[in-house]
PDB file of N, CA and C in Angstrom:
ATOM      1  N   MET A   1      -3.267  23.405  61.689  1.00  0.00           N
ATOM      2  CA  MET A   1      -2.707  22.082  61.541  1.00  0.00           C
ATOM      3  C   MET A   1      -2.816  21.643  60.079  1.00  0.00           C
ATOM      4  N   LEU A   2      -1.739  21.104  59.530  1.00  0.00           N
ATOM      5  CA  LEU A   2      -1.707  20.674  58.140  1.00  0.00           C
ATOM      6  C   LEU A   2      -2.361  19.305  57.962  1.00  0.00           C
ATOM      7  N   PRO A   3      -3.071  19.110  56.850  1.00  0.00           N
ATOM      8  CA  PRO A   3      -3.628  17.781  56.576  1.00  0.00           C
ATOM      9  C   PRO A   3      -2.490  16.773  56.389  1.00  0.00           C
ATOM     10  N   ILE A   4      -2.736  15.531  56.787  1.00  0.00           N
ATOM     11  CA  ILE A   4      -1.703  14.492  56.737  1.00  0.00           C
ATOM     12  C   ILE A   4      -1.147  14.298  55.328  1.00  0.00           C
ATOM     13  N   LEU A   5      -2.002  14.415  54.300  1.00  0.00           N
ATOM     14  CA  LEU A   5      -1.514  14.250  52.927  1.00  0.00           C
ATOM     15  C   LEU A   5      -0.478  15.314  52.578  1.00  0.00           C
ATOM     16  N   GLU A   6      -0.717  16.543  53.046  1.00  0.00           N
ATOM     17  CA  GLU A   6       0.221  17.628  52.780  1.00  0.00           C
ATOM     18  C   GLU A   6       1.531  17.408  53.536  1.00  0.00           C
ATOM     19  N   ILE A   7       1.434  16.955  54.765  1.00  0.00           N
ATOM     20  CA  ILE A   7       2.629  16.683  55.569  1.00  0.00           C
ATOM     21  C   ILE A   7       3.495  15.617  54.894  1.00  0.00           C
ATOM     22  N   LEU A   8       2.844  14.598  54.346  1.00  0.00           N
ATOM     23  CA  LEU A   8       3.572  13.505  53.704  1.00  0.00           C
ATOM     24  C   LEU A   8       3.984  13.826  52.270  1.00  0.00           C
ATOM     25  N   GLY A   9       3.533  14.970  51.761  1.00  0.00           N
ATOM     26  CA  GLY A   9       3.871  15.346  50.393  1.00  0.00           C
ATOM     27  C   GLY A   9       3.117  14.562  49.338  1.00  0.00           C
ATOM     28  N   LEU A  10       1.935  14.056  49.701  1.00  0.00           N
ATOM     29  CA  LEU A  10       1.122  13.285  48.769  1.00  0.00           C
ATOM     30  C   LEU A  10       0.055  14.170  48.145  1.00  0.00           C
ATOM     31  N   PRO A  11      -0.410  13.801  46.934  1.00  0.00           N
ATOM     32  CA  PRO A  11      -1.484  14.573  46.316  1.00  0.00           C
ATOM     33  C   PRO A  11      -2.772  14.466  47.120  1.00  0.00           C
ATOM     34  N   ARG A  12      -3.635  15.455  46.948  1.00  0.00           N
ATOM     35  CA  ARG A  12      -4.932  15.428  47.621  1.00  0.00           C
ATOM     36  C   ARG A  12      -5.752  14.247  47.132  1.00  0.00           C
ATOM     37  N   LEU A  13      -6.708  13.804  47.950  1.00  0.00           N
ATOM     38  CA  LEU A  13      -7.517  12.644  47.583  1.00  0.00           C
ATOM     39  C   LEU A  13      -8.313  12.875  46.311  1.00  0.00           C
ATOM     40  N   ASP A  14      -8.823  14.096  46.090  1.00  0.00           N
ATOM     41  CA  ASP A  14      -9.575  14.336  44.862  1.00  0.00           C
ATOM     42  C   ASP A  14      -8.667  14.206  43.643  1.00  0.00           C
ATOM     43  N   THR A  15      -7.394  14.543  43.786  1.00  0.00           N
ATOM     44  CA  THR A  15      -6.438  14.365  42.695  1.00  0.00           C
ATOM     45  C   THR A  15      -6.193  12.884  42.447  1.00  0.00           C
ATOM     46  N   ILE A  16      -6.018  12.119  43.513  1.00  0.00           N
ATOM     47  CA  ILE A  16      -5.806  10.677  43.381  1.00  0.00           C
ATOM     48  C   ILE A  16      -7.018  10.029  42.720  1.00  0.00           C
ATOM     49  N   ASN A  17      -8.216  10.393  43.145  1.00  0.00           N
ATOM     50  CA  ASN A  17      -9.430   9.838  42.543  1.00  0.00           C
ATOM     51  C   ASN A  17      -9.528  10.185  41.067  1.00  0.00           C
ATOM     52  N   CYS A  18      -9.095  11.378  40.691  1.00  0.00           N
ATOM     53  CA  CYS A  18      -9.085  11.781  39.283  1.00  0.00           C
ATOM     54  C   CYS A  18      -8.146  10.876  38.492  1.00  0.00           C
ATOM     55  N   TYR A  19      -6.960  10.594  39.041  1.00  0.00           N
ATOM     56  CA  TYR A  19      -6.016   9.699  38.370  1.00  0.00           C
ATOM     57  C   TYR A  19      -6.644   8.325  38.160  1.00  0.00           C
ATOM     58  N   ILE A  20      -7.329   7.839  39.163  1.00  0.00           N
ATOM     59  CA  ILE A  20      -7.960   6.526  39.065  1.00  0.00           C
ATOM     60  C   ILE A  20      -9.038   6.542  37.987  1.00  0.00           C
ATOM     61  N   ARG A  21      -9.883   7.568  37.966  1.00  0.00           N
ATOM     62  CA  ARG A  21     -10.937   7.672  36.956  1.00  0.00           C
ATOM     63  C   ARG A  21     -10.363   7.725  35.553  1.00  0.00           C
ATOM     64  N   GLU A  22      -9.244   8.437  35.384  1.00  0.00           N
ATOM     65  CA  GLU A  22      -8.639   8.581  34.065  1.00  0.00           C
ATOM     66  C   GLU A  22      -7.887   7.332  33.634  1.00  0.00           C
ATOM     67  N   GLY A  23      -7.691   6.396  34.542  1.00  0.00           N
ATOM     68  CA  GLY A  23      -6.950   5.198  34.205  1.00  0.00           C
ATOM     69  C   GLY A  23      -5.469   5.454  34.062  1.00  0.00           C
ATOM     70  N   VAL A  24      -4.972   6.478  34.736  1.00  0.00           N
ATOM     71  CA  VAL A  24      -3.568   6.848  34.613  1.00  0.00           C
ATOM     72  C   VAL A  24      -2.897   6.721  35.971  1.00  0.00           C
ATOM     73  N   ASN A  25      -1.785   6.034  35.998  1.00  0.00           N
ATOM     74  CA  ASN A  25      -1.012   5.875  37.223  1.00  0.00           C
ATOM     75  C   ASN A  25       0.049   6.972  37.236  1.00  0.00           C
ATOM     76  N   LYS A  26      -0.372   8.209  37.485  1.00  0.00           N
ATOM     77  CA  LYS A  26       0.538   9.342  37.389  1.00  0.00           C
ATOM     78  C   LYS A  26       1.554   9.383  38.521  1.00  0.00           C
ATOM     79  N   HIS A  27       1.236   8.774  39.650  1.00  0.00           N
ATOM     80  CA  HIS A  27       2.190   8.787  40.756  1.00  0.00           C
ATOM     81  C   HIS A  27       3.483   8.102  40.341  1.00  0.00           C
ATOM     82  N   ARG A  28       3.380   7.060  39.543  1.00  0.00           N
ATOM     83  CA  ARG A  28       4.554   6.348  39.059  1.00  0.00           C
ATOM     84  C   ARG A  28       4.974   6.843  37.683  1.00  0.00           C
ATOM     85  N   GLY A  29       4.201   7.749  37.099  1.00  0.00           N
ATOM     86  CA  GLY A  29       4.540   8.294  35.795  1.00  0.00           C
ATOM     87  C   GLY A  29       4.253   7.350  34.647  1.00  0.00           C
ATOM     88  N   LEU A  30       3.386   6.375  34.848  1.00  0.00           N
ATOM     89  CA  LEU A  30       3.081   5.404  33.810  1.00  0.00           C
ATOM     90  C   LEU A  30       1.627   5.503  33.396  1.00  0.00           C
ATOM     91  N   GLU A  31       1.384   5.343  32.110  1.00  0.00           N
ATOM     92  CA  GLU A  31       0.014   5.262  31.636  1.00  0.00           C
ATOM     93  C   GLU A  31      -0.344   3.792  31.509  1.00  0.00           C
ATOM     94  N   LEU A  32      -1.466   3.408  32.052  1.00  0.00           N
ATOM     95  CA  LEU A  32      -1.893   2.018  31.987  1.00  0.00           C
ATOM     96  C   LEU A  32      -2.406   1.698  30.592  1.00  0.00           C
ATOM     97  N   ILE A  33      -2.213   0.455  30.169  1.00  0.00           N
ATOM     98  CA  ILE A  33      -2.766  -0.009  28.903  1.00  0.00           C
ATOM     99  C   ILE A  33      -4.160  -0.533  29.200  1.00  0.00           C
ATOM    100  N   GLU A  34      -5.118  -0.064  28.421  1.00  0.00           N
ATOM    101  CA  GLU A  34      -6.513  -0.436  28.642  1.00  0.00           C
ATOM    102  C   GLU A  34      -7.043  -1.193  27.437  1.00  0.00           C
ATOM    103  N   ALA A  35      -7.995  -2.080  27.688  1.00  0.00           N
ATOM    104  CA  ALA A  35      -8.611  -2.837  26.605  1.00  0.00           C
ATOM    105  C   ALA A  35     -10.056  -3.164  26.959  1.00  0.00           C
ATOM    106  N   ILE A  36     -10.811  -3.454  25.925  1.00  0.00           N
ATOM    107  CA  ILE A  36     -12.170  -3.960  26.057  1.00  0.00           C
ATOM    108  C   ILE A  36     -12.124  -5.416  25.610  1.00  0.00           C
ATOM    109  N   VAL A  37     -12.657  -6.309  26.423  1.00  0.00           N
ATOM    110  CA  VAL A  37     -12.739  -7.717  26.040  1.00  0.00           C
ATOM    111  C   VAL A  37     -14.216  -8.057  25.867  1.00  0.00           C
ATOM    112  N   LEU A  38     -14.577  -8.473  24.657  1.00  0.00           N
ATOM    113  CA  LEU A  38     -15.937  -8.894  24.356  1.00  0.00           C
ATOM    114  C   LEU A  38     -16.004 -10.396  24.596  1.00  0.00           C
ATOM    115  N   ILE A  39     -17.002 -10.827  25.338  1.00  0.00           N
ATOM    116  CA  ILE A  39     -17.069 -12.235  25.742  1.00  0.00           C
ATOM    117  C   ILE A  39     -18.411 -12.846  25.362  1.00  0.00           C
ATOM    118  N   GLU A  40     -18.329 -14.003  24.706  1.00  0.00           N
ATOM    119  CA  GLU A  40     -19.512 -14.801  24.412  1.00  0.00           C
ATOM    120  C   GLU A  40     -19.563 -15.924  25.445  1.00  0.00           C
ATOM    121  N   ALA A  41     -20.686 -16.057  26.114  1.00  0.00           N
ATOM    122  CA  ALA A  41     -20.845 -17.066  27.171  1.00  0.00           C
ATOM    123  C   ALA A  41     -21.391 -18.370  26.608  1.00  0.00           C
ATOM    124  N   LYS A  42     -20.976 -19.474  27.226  1.00  0.00           N
ATOM    125  CA  LYS A  42     -21.578 -20.767  26.900  1.00  0.00           C
ATOM    126  C   LYS A  42     -22.992 -20.777  27.468  1.00  0.00           C
ATOM    127  N   PRO A  43     -23.912 -21.506  26.832  1.00  0.00           N
ATOM    128  CA  PRO A  43     -25.284 -21.566  27.348  1.00  0.00           C
ATOM    129  C   PRO A  43     -25.317 -22.014  28.812  1.00  0.00           C
ATOM    130  N   GLY A  44     -26.128 -21.328  29.603  1.00  0.00           N
ATOM    131  CA  GLY A  44     -26.312 -21.685  31.006  1.00  0.00           C
ATOM    132  C   GLY A  44     -25.246 -21.167  31.953  1.00  0.00           C
ATOM    133  N   SER A  45     -24.295 -20.383  31.451  1.00  0.00           N
ATOM    134  CA  SER A  45     -23.204 -19.925  32.327  1.00  0.00           C
ATOM    135  C   SER A  45     -23.242 -18.420  32.594  1.00  0.00           C
ATOM    136  N   PHE A  46     -24.311 -17.766  32.206  1.00  0.00           N
ATOM    137  CA  PHE A  46     -24.387 -16.306  32.283  1.00  0.00           C
ATOM    138  C   PHE A  46     -24.178 -15.783  33.704  1.00  0.00           C
ATOM    139  N   GLU A  47     -24.890 -16.322  34.671  1.00  0.00           N
ATOM    140  CA  GLU A  47     -24.827 -15.792  36.041  1.00  0.00           C
ATOM    141  C   GLU A  47     -23.470 -16.024  36.692  1.00  0.00           C
ATOM    142  N   ILE A  48     -22.903 -17.227  36.532  1.00  0.00           N
ATOM    143  CA  ILE A  48     -21.605 -17.511  37.143  1.00  0.00           C
ATOM    144  C   ILE A  48     -20.517 -16.668  36.483  1.00  0.00           C
ATOM    145  N   LEU A  49     -20.628 -16.471  35.174  1.00  0.00           N
ATOM    146  CA  LEU A  49     -19.641 -15.647  34.477  1.00  0.00           C
ATOM    147  C   LEU A  49     -19.674 -14.214  34.971  1.00  0.00           C
ATOM    148  N   ASN A  50     -20.840 -13.684  35.153  1.00  0.00           N
ATOM    149  CA  ASN A  50     -20.968 -12.305  35.632  1.00  0.00           C
ATOM    150  C   ASN A  50     -20.197 -12.122  36.933  1.00  0.00           C
ATOM    151  N   LEU A  51     -20.283 -13.085  37.823  1.00  0.00           N
ATOM    152  CA  LEU A  51     -19.585 -13.031  39.107  1.00  0.00           C
ATOM    153  C   LEU A  51     -18.083 -13.261  38.936  1.00  0.00           C
ATOM    154  N   GLU A  52     -17.701 -14.291  38.199  1.00  0.00           N
ATOM    155  CA  GLU A  52     -16.289 -14.657  38.055  1.00  0.00           C
ATOM    156  C   GLU A  52     -15.492 -13.606  37.288  1.00  0.00           C
ATOM    157  N   LEU A  53     -16.068 -13.032  36.258  1.00  0.00           N
ATOM    158  CA  LEU A  53     -15.346 -12.030  35.470  1.00  0.00           C
ATOM    159  C   LEU A  53     -14.997 -10.811  36.314  1.00  0.00           C
ATOM    160  N   SER A  54     -15.895 -10.414  37.184  1.00  0.00           N
ATOM    161  CA  SER A  54     -15.654  -9.220  37.996  1.00  0.00           C
ATOM    162  C   SER A  54     -14.526  -9.425  39.003  1.00  0.00           C
ATOM    163  N   LYS A  55     -14.176 -10.679  39.306  1.00  0.00           N
ATOM    164  CA  LYS A  55     -13.105 -10.970  40.257  1.00  0.00           C
ATOM    165  C   LYS A  55     -11.732 -11.070  39.598  1.00  0.00           C
ATOM    166  N   ALA A  56     -11.686 -11.128  38.276  1.00  0.00           N
ATOM    167  CA  ALA A  56     -10.426 -11.363  37.567  1.00  0.00           C
ATOM    168  C   ALA A  56      -9.475 -10.171  37.691  1.00  0.00           C
ATOM    169  N   LYS A  57      -8.193 -10.465  37.647  1.00  0.00           N
ATOM    170  CA  LYS A  57      -7.150  -9.446  37.789  1.00  0.00           C
ATOM    171  C   LYS A  57      -7.241  -8.413  36.658  1.00  0.00           C
ATOM    172  N   GLY A  58      -7.141  -7.151  37.031  1.00  0.00           N
ATOM    173  CA  GLY A  58      -7.117  -6.067  36.065  1.00  0.00           C
ATOM    174  C   GLY A  58      -8.472  -5.610  35.569  1.00  0.00           C
ATOM    175  N   VAL A  59      -9.544  -6.250  36.015  1.00  0.00           N
ATOM    176  CA  VAL A  59     -10.885  -5.905  35.530  1.00  0.00           C
ATOM    177  C   VAL A  59     -11.377  -4.640  36.213  1.00  0.00           C
ATOM    178  N   ARG A  60     -11.758  -3.650  35.402  1.00  0.00           N
ATOM    179  CA  ARG A  60     -12.326  -2.399  35.922  1.00  0.00           C
ATOM    180  C   ARG A  60     -13.841  -2.444  35.963  1.00  0.00           C
ATOM    181  N   SER A  61     -14.440  -3.075  34.946  1.00  0.00           N
ATOM    182  CA  SER A  61     -15.901  -3.168  34.936  1.00  0.00           C
ATOM    183  C   SER A  61     -16.343  -4.339  34.067  1.00  0.00           C
ATOM    184  N   VAL A  62     -17.525  -4.856  34.395  1.00  0.00           N
ATOM    185  CA  VAL A  62     -18.155  -5.925  33.623  1.00  0.00           C
ATOM    186  C   VAL A  62     -19.579  -5.476  33.337  1.00  0.00           C
ATOM    187  N   THR A  63     -19.961  -5.503  32.061  1.00  0.00           N
ATOM    188  CA  THR A  63     -21.309  -5.111  31.668  1.00  0.00           C
ATOM    189  C   THR A  63     -21.941  -6.237  30.863  1.00  0.00           C
ATOM    190  N   ALA A  64     -23.106  -6.707  31.296  1.00  0.00           N
ATOM    191  CA  ALA A  64     -23.850  -7.714  30.545  1.00  0.00           C
ATOM    192  C   ALA A  64     -24.587  -7.019  29.408  1.00  0.00           C
ATOM    193  N   THR A  65     -24.593  -7.652  28.231  1.00  0.00           N
ATOM    194  CA  THR A  65     -25.223  -7.047  27.058  1.00  0.00           C
ATOM    195  C   THR A  65     -26.092  -8.071  26.329  1.00  0.00           C
ATOM    196  N   LEU A  66     -26.923  -7.578  25.438  1.00  0.00           N
ATOM    197  CA  LEU A  66     -27.709  -8.425  24.546  1.00  0.00           C
ATOM    198  C   LEU A  66     -27.113  -8.297  23.151  1.00  0.00           C
ATOM    199  N   GLY A  67     -27.079  -9.395  22.413  1.00  0.00           N
ATOM    200  CA  GLY A  67     -26.511  -9.362  21.069  1.00  0.00           C
ATOM    201  C   GLY A  67     -25.449 -10.431  20.911  1.00  0.00           C
ATOM    202  N   ARG A  68     -24.556 -10.234  19.951  1.00  0.00           N
ATOM    203  CA  ARG A  68     -23.507 -11.231  19.664  1.00  0.00           C
ATOM    204  C   ARG A  68     -22.639 -11.511  20.883  1.00  0.00           C
ATOM    205  N   TRP A  69     -22.307 -10.490  21.643  1.00  0.00           N
ATOM    206  CA  TRP A  69     -21.455 -10.630  22.831  1.00  0.00           C
ATOM    207  C   TRP A  69     -22.319 -10.520  24.079  1.00  0.00           C
ATOM    208  N   ASP A  70     -22.031 -11.367  25.046  1.00  0.00           N
ATOM    209  CA  ASP A  70     -22.807 -11.383  26.286  1.00  0.00           C
ATOM    210  C   ASP A  70     -22.264 -10.440  27.352  1.00  0.00           C
ATOM    211  N   PHE A  71     -20.946 -10.166  27.287  1.00  0.00           N
ATOM    212  CA  PHE A  71     -20.312  -9.282  28.264  1.00  0.00           C
ATOM    213  C   PHE A  71     -19.310  -8.364  27.582  1.00  0.00           C
ATOM    214  N   VAL A  72     -19.239  -7.145  28.089  1.00  0.00           N
ATOM    215  CA  VAL A  72     -18.186  -6.201  27.716  1.00  0.00           C
ATOM    216  C   VAL A  72     -17.387  -5.967  28.995  1.00  0.00           C
ATOM    217  N   VAL A  73     -16.100  -6.321  28.948  1.00  0.00           N
ATOM    218  CA  VAL A  73     -15.245  -6.232  30.130  1.00  0.00           C
ATOM    219  C   VAL A  73     -14.142  -5.215  29.868  1.00  0.00           C
ATOM    220  N   GLU A  74     -14.024  -4.222  30.745  1.00  0.00           N
ATOM    221  CA  GLU A  74     -12.927  -3.250  30.655  1.00  0.00           C
ATOM    222  C   GLU A  74     -11.801  -3.742  31.548  1.00  0.00           C
ATOM    223  N   ILE A  75     -10.590  -3.865  30.961  1.00  0.00           N
ATOM    224  CA  ILE A  75      -9.443  -4.308  31.746  1.00  0.00           C
ATOM    225  C   ILE A  75      -8.285  -3.341  31.558  1.00  0.00           C
ATOM    226  N   GLU A  76      -7.298  -3.461  32.451  1.00  0.00           N
ATOM    227  CA  GLU A  76      -6.111  -2.618  32.366  1.00  0.00           C
ATOM    228  C   GLU A  76      -4.914  -3.385  32.903  1.00  0.00           C
ATOM    229  N   ALA A  77      -3.730  -2.940  32.473  1.00  0.00           N
ATOM    230  CA  ALA A  77      -2.476  -3.518  32.956  1.00  0.00           C
ATOM    231  C   ALA A  77      -1.379  -2.485  32.739  1.00  0.00           C
ATOM    232  N   GLU A  78      -0.246  -2.703  33.391  1.00  0.00           N
ATOM    233  CA  GLU A  78       0.862  -1.757  33.280  1.00  0.00           C
ATOM    234  C   GLU A  78       1.622  -1.890  31.971  1.00  0.00           C
ATOM    235  N   ASP A  79       1.542  -3.060  31.312  1.00  0.00           N
ATOM    236  CA  ASP A  79       2.247  -3.252  30.041  1.00  0.00           C
ATOM    237  C   ASP A  79       1.506  -4.294  29.206  1.00  0.00           C
ATOM    238  N   LEU A  80       1.963  -4.480  27.954  1.00  0.00           N
ATOM    239  CA  LEU A  80       1.288  -5.419  27.059  1.00  0.00           C
ATOM    240  C   LEU A  80       1.370  -6.856  27.558  1.00  0.00           C
ATOM    241  N   LYS A  81       2.485  -7.212  28.160  1.00  0.00           N
ATOM    242  CA  LYS A  81       2.618  -8.566  28.696  1.00  0.00           C
ATOM    243  C   LYS A  81       1.552  -8.819  29.761  1.00  0.00           C
ATOM    244  N   GLY A  82       1.405  -7.882  30.686  1.00  0.00           N
ATOM    245  CA  GLY A  82       0.397  -8.010  31.731  1.00  0.00           C
ATOM    246  C   GLY A  82      -1.009  -8.029  31.166  1.00  0.00           C
ATOM    247  N   LEU A  83      -1.240  -7.206  30.144  1.00  0.00           N
ATOM    248  CA  LEU A  83      -2.553  -7.175  29.511  1.00  0.00           C
ATOM    249  C   LEU A  83      -2.854  -8.531  28.876  1.00  0.00           C
ATOM    250  N   GLY A  84      -1.866  -9.085  28.174  1.00  0.00           N
ATOM    251  CA  GLY A  84      -2.041 -10.397  27.553  1.00  0.00           C
ATOM    252  C   GLY A  84      -2.342 -11.477  28.574  1.00  0.00           C
ATOM    253  N   GLU A  85      -1.636 -11.439  29.696  1.00  0.00           N
ATOM    254  CA  GLU A  85      -1.878 -12.417  30.763  1.00  0.00           C
ATOM    255  C   GLU A  85      -3.295 -12.287  31.309  1.00  0.00           C
ATOM    256  N   ASN A  86      -3.740 -11.051  31.504  1.00  0.00           N
ATOM    257  CA  ASN A  86      -5.096 -10.822  32.021  1.00  0.00           C
ATOM    258  C   ASN A  86      -6.156 -11.317  31.039  1.00  0.00           C
ATOM    259  N   VAL A  87      -5.930 -11.070  29.744  1.00  0.00           N
ATOM    260  CA  VAL A  87      -6.888 -11.507  28.723  1.00  0.00           C
ATOM    261  C   VAL A  87      -6.949 -13.035  28.677  1.00  0.00           C
ATOM    262  N   LEU A  88      -5.790 -13.688  28.727  1.00  0.00           N
ATOM    263  CA  LEU A  88      -5.772 -15.159  28.711  1.00  0.00           C
ATOM    264  C   LEU A  88      -6.506 -15.739  29.912  1.00  0.00           C
ATOM    265  N   LYS A  89      -6.352 -15.110  31.068  1.00  0.00           N
ATOM    266  CA  LYS A  89      -7.061 -15.587  32.259  1.00  0.00           C
ATOM    267  C   LYS A  89      -8.572 -15.426  32.099  1.00  0.00           C
ATOM    268  N   LEU A  90      -8.999 -14.321  31.481  1.00  0.00           N
ATOM    269  CA  LEU A  90     -10.432 -14.136  31.233  1.00  0.00           C
ATOM    270  C   LEU A  90     -10.953 -15.227  30.301  1.00  0.00           C
ATOM    271  N   ALA A  91     -10.187 -15.536  29.264  1.00  0.00           N
ATOM    272  CA  ALA A  91     -10.613 -16.545  28.288  1.00  0.00           C
ATOM    273  C   ALA A  91     -10.720 -17.931  28.910  1.00  0.00           C
ATOM    274  N   GLN A  92      -9.994 -18.167  30.005  1.00  0.00           N
ATOM    275  CA  GLN A  92      -9.996 -19.476  30.657  1.00  0.00           C
ATOM    276  C   GLN A  92     -11.054 -19.612  31.751  1.00  0.00           C
ATOM    277  N   VAL A  93     -11.778 -18.537  32.025  1.00  0.00           N
ATOM    278  CA  VAL A  93     -12.833 -18.612  33.045  1.00  0.00           C
ATOM    279  C   VAL A  93     -13.896 -19.600  32.566  1.00  0.00           C
ATOM    280  N   ARG A  94     -14.312 -20.467  33.460  1.00  0.00           N
ATOM    281  CA  ARG A  94     -15.328 -21.464  33.132  1.00  0.00           C
ATOM    282  C   ARG A  94     -16.592 -20.777  32.615  1.00  0.00           C
ATOM    283  N   GLY A  95     -17.058 -21.214  31.468  1.00  0.00           N
ATOM    284  CA  GLY A  95     -18.268 -20.648  30.885  1.00  0.00           C
ATOM    285  C   GLY A  95     -18.012 -19.693  29.734  1.00  0.00           C
ATOM    286  N   VAL A  96     -16.746 -19.341  29.487  1.00  0.00           N
ATOM    287  CA  VAL A  96     -16.420 -18.463  28.358  1.00  0.00           C
ATOM    288  C   VAL A  96     -16.345 -19.307  27.091  1.00  0.00           C
ATOM    289  N   LYS A  97     -17.120 -18.928  26.074  1.00  0.00           N
ATOM    290  CA  LYS A  97     -17.099 -19.640  24.794  1.00  0.00           C
ATOM    291  C   LYS A  97     -16.069 -19.025  23.858  1.00  0.00           C
ATOM    292  N   SER A  98     -16.061 -17.691  23.749  1.00  0.00           N
ATOM    293  CA  SER A  98     -15.089 -17.016  22.884  1.00  0.00           C
ATOM    294  C   SER A  98     -14.894 -15.581  23.354  1.00  0.00           C
ATOM    295  N   THR A  99     -13.774 -14.995  22.914  1.00  0.00           N
ATOM    296  CA  THR A  99     -13.473 -13.606  23.274  1.00  0.00           C
ATOM    297  C   THR A  99     -12.929 -12.861  22.068  1.00  0.00           C
ATOM    298  N   GLU A 100     -13.038 -11.560  22.138  1.00  0.00           N
ATOM    299  CA  GLU A 100     -12.372 -10.668  21.181  1.00  0.00           C
ATOM    300  C   GLU A 100     -11.864  -9.480  21.987  1.00  0.00           C
ATOM    301  N   THR A 101     -10.601  -9.126  21.782  1.00  0.00           N
ATOM    302  CA  THR A 101      -9.984  -8.059  22.566  1.00  0.00           C
ATOM    303  C   THR A 101      -9.737  -6.839  21.698  1.00  0.00           C
ATOM    304  N   LEU A 102     -10.120  -5.684  22.216  1.00  0.00           N
ATOM    305  CA  LEU A 102      -9.909  -4.402  21.544  1.00  0.00           C
ATOM    306  C   LEU A 102      -9.032  -3.549  22.442  1.00  0.00           C
ATOM    307  N   ILE A 103      -7.781  -3.331  22.038  1.00  0.00           N
ATOM    308  CA  ILE A 103      -6.892  -2.481  22.831  1.00  0.00           C
ATOM    309  C   ILE A 103      -7.282  -1.034  22.577  1.00  0.00           C
ATOM    310  N   ILE A 104      -7.430  -0.277  23.641  1.00  0.00           N
ATOM    311  CA  ILE A 104      -7.846   1.121  23.525  1.00  0.00           C
ATOM    312  C   ILE A 104      -6.651   1.964  23.115  1.00  0.00           C
ATOM    313  N   PHE A 105      -6.824   2.707  22.035  1.00  0.00           N
ATOM    314  CA  PHE A 105      -5.779   3.591  21.537  1.00  0.00           C
ATOM    315  C   PHE A 105      -5.752   4.842  22.403  1.00  0.00           C
ATOM    316  N   PRO A 106      -4.575   5.190  22.951  1.00  0.00           N
ATOM    317  CA  PRO A 106      -4.522   6.365  23.834  1.00  0.00           C
ATOM    318  C   PRO A 106      -4.887   7.641  23.088  1.00  0.00           C
ATOM    319  N   SER A 107      -5.696   8.475  23.720  1.00  0.00           N
ATOM    320  CA  SER A 107      -6.061   9.750  23.101  1.00  0.00           C
ATOM    321  C   SER A 107      -4.910  10.732  23.266  1.00  0.00           C
ATOM    322  N   THR A 108      -4.805  11.654  22.336  1.00  0.00           N
ATOM    323  CA  THR A 108      -3.706  12.632  22.392  1.00  0.00           C
ATOM    324  C   THR A 108      -4.151  13.912  23.030  1.00  0.00           C
TER     325      THR A 108
END
């Protein structure tokens, strides 16, 4: 008996998981645009920000840090317009004091 993925002509799950890890939407033939958003929190908003940032659209990970920036947020979108919208939404989260965005240059 053939596995259902093979019957449907879909890639194996380990292949799909690899695409997700690489940040590449290969099924549609598109490479996602990725960025790092550095976030400075307003005093007293650290815990709520940690929760709210992780819920925002396009967010892959949120890491709390010590130093000038309080959070490092990895985000992704299908195009620059979507990336810009996601970054603006992050900047508007209650408790965000300032942000700096670093667009990840695709490796060759």
